[in-house]
Amino acid sequence: QVQLVESGGGLVQPGGSLRLSCAASGFTFSRYAMSWYRQAPGKERELVARISGLGRTTNLADSVKGRFTISRDNAKNTVYLEMNSLKPEDMAVYYCNAQLPGRSDSYWGQGTQVTVSS
């Protein structure tokens, strides 16, 4: 049974930092590209960051470049999103996603809320 369990969300002031984690199980983690998406109220879900199976390639949305970092630990079957200099516009539910290269289907976590407010 595939599971993606996000954690680390919460309330943070503008300019603050959070580290999200996504623990995966039920599949061969290192074969899957892992991504973080986010969805704010009334907006479409958007890709924030992606990392290849072995961690050699990362991609970040322009809106988070220089502030967010994606990484993974294949020994722990976990992907991380380090978020610094958080802005109110970063406030959203953040979702973890696992996808095999070349496949259209993927797995999703349940999401974790990030609130940026003073």
Protein backbone atom coordinates (compact mmCIF):
# COMPACT_ATOMS: atom_id res chain seq x y z
CA GLN A 1 0.00 0.00 0.00
CA VAL A 2 1.45 3.32 -1.11
CA GLN A 3 1.58 6.05 1.49
CA LEU A 4 2.89 9.58 1.37
CA VAL A 5 2.69 11.34 4.71
CA GLU A 6 3.55 15.03 4.88
CA SER A 7 4.52 16.82 8.06
CA GLY A 8 6.11 20.05 9.19
CA GLY A 9 3.46 22.56 8.23
CA GLY A 10 2.21 25.20 10.59
CA LEU A 11 1.96 28.89 11.31
CA VAL A 12 4.97 31.09 10.67
CA GLN A 13 5.53 34.83 10.49
CA PRO A 14 6.56 36.48 7.23
CA GLY A 15 10.29 36.05 6.77
CA GLY A 16 10.29 32.85 8.78
CA SER A 17 11.22 29.31 7.84
CA LEU A 18 9.65 25.88 7.79
CA ARG A 19 10.85 22.45 6.76
CA LEU A 20 8.32 20.08 5.27
CA SER A 21 8.90 16.34 5.20
CA CYS A 22 7.19 13.63 3.20
CA ALA A 23 7.69 10.05 4.33
CA ALA A 24 7.02 7.48 1.62
CA SER A 25 6.27 3.79 1.80
CA GLY A 26 4.89 1.03 -0.38
CA PHE A 27 6.98 1.65 -3.48
CA THR A 28 10.61 1.78 -4.61
CA PHE A 29 11.29 5.34 -3.55
CA SER A 30 14.51 5.93 -5.47
CA ARG A 31 12.81 5.16 -8.80
CA TYR A 32 10.33 7.98 -8.39
CA ALA A 33 10.69 11.66 -9.01
CA MET A 34 9.32 13.47 -5.99
CA SER A 35 7.59 16.81 -6.09
CA TRP A 36 5.97 19.36 -3.84
CA TYR A 37 2.84 21.07 -5.05
CA ARG A 38 0.76 23.69 -3.31
CA GLN A 39 -2.78 24.92 -3.54
CA ALA A 40 -4.06 28.15 -2.10
CA PRO A 41 -7.78 28.83 -1.59
CA GLY A 42 -9.46 29.59 -4.90
CA LYS A 43 -6.36 28.77 -6.91
CA GLU A 44 -5.20 25.80 -8.93
CA ARG A 45 -2.65 23.40 -7.58
CA GLU A 46 0.82 24.43 -8.73
CA LEU A 47 4.19 22.73 -8.88
CA VAL A 48 6.65 24.17 -6.38
CA ALA A 49 9.67 21.88 -6.63
CA ARG A 50 10.73 18.56 -8.11
CA ILE A 51 13.69 16.28 -7.55
CA SER A 52 14.77 13.29 -9.61
CA GLY A 53 14.96 9.78 -8.19
CA LEU A 54 18.63 9.91 -7.33
CA GLY A 55 18.52 13.56 -6.40
CA ARG A 56 20.75 14.69 -9.24
CA THR A 57 18.27 17.09 -10.78
CA THR A 58 16.05 19.63 -9.09
CA ASN A 59 13.60 22.16 -10.44
CA LEU A 60 12.00 25.03 -8.60
CA ALA A 61 9.17 27.34 -9.54
CA ASP A 62 10.38 30.85 -10.29
CA SER A 63 8.35 32.17 -7.37
CA VAL A 64 10.37 30.19 -4.84
CA LYS A 65 13.86 30.17 -6.37
CA GLY A 66 16.44 31.40 -3.91
CA ARG A 67 14.12 30.74 -0.98
CA PHE A 68 13.10 27.07 -1.14
CA THR A 69 15.25 23.96 -1.43
CA ILE A 70 14.10 20.44 -2.22
CA SER A 71 16.14 17.44 -1.15
CA ARG A 72 15.67 13.74 -0.53
CA ASP A 73 17.14 10.97 1.57
CA ASN A 74 16.62 7.70 -0.25
CA ALA A 75 17.85 5.74 2.75
CA LYS A 76 14.96 7.18 4.76
CA ASN A 77 12.42 7.25 1.90
CA THR A 78 11.83 10.90 2.65
CA VAL A 79 11.71 14.09 0.63
CA TYR A 80 12.07 17.53 2.18
CA LEU A 81 11.17 21.08 1.31
CA GLU A 82 13.17 23.71 3.13
CA MET A 83 11.30 27.00 2.96
CA ASN A 84 12.99 30.26 3.95
CA SER A 85 11.98 33.90 3.74
CA LEU A 86 8.35 32.88 3.68
CA LYS A 87 5.83 35.32 2.28
CA PRO A 88 2.06 35.55 2.75
CA GLU A 89 1.67 34.39 -0.85
CA ASP A 90 3.36 31.10 0.10
CA MET A 91 0.41 30.26 2.29
CA ALA A 92 -1.26 27.11 0.96
CA VAL A 93 -1.77 23.41 1.48
CA TYR A 94 1.43 21.70 0.40
CA TYR A 95 1.19 18.25 -1.18
CA CYS A 96 3.82 15.62 -1.77
CA ASN A 97 3.75 13.77 -5.10
CA ALA A 98 5.55 10.69 -6.39
CA GLN A 99 5.76 9.93 -10.09
CA LEU A 100 7.64 7.42 -12.18
CA PRO A 101 9.38 9.12 -15.11
CA GLY A 102 7.31 8.77 -18.26
CA ARG A 103 4.10 7.92 -16.42
CA SER A 104 1.08 10.20 -16.22
CA ASP A 105 -0.31 8.73 -13.02
CA SER A 106 1.18 9.49 -9.65
CA TYR A 107 0.69 9.22 -5.92
CA TRP A 108 -0.37 12.05 -3.64
CA GLY A 109 -0.13 12.75 0.04
CA GLN A 110 -2.92 14.24 2.10
CA GLY A 111 -1.33 17.67 2.34
CA THR A 112 -0.02 19.88 5.11
CA GLN A 113 -1.14 23.44 5.76
CA VAL A 114 1.36 26.27 5.70
CA THR A 115 0.11 29.57 7.08
CA VAL A 116 2.22 32.70 6.79
CA SER A 117 0.84 35.48 8.89
CA SER A 118 1.89 37.99 11.49
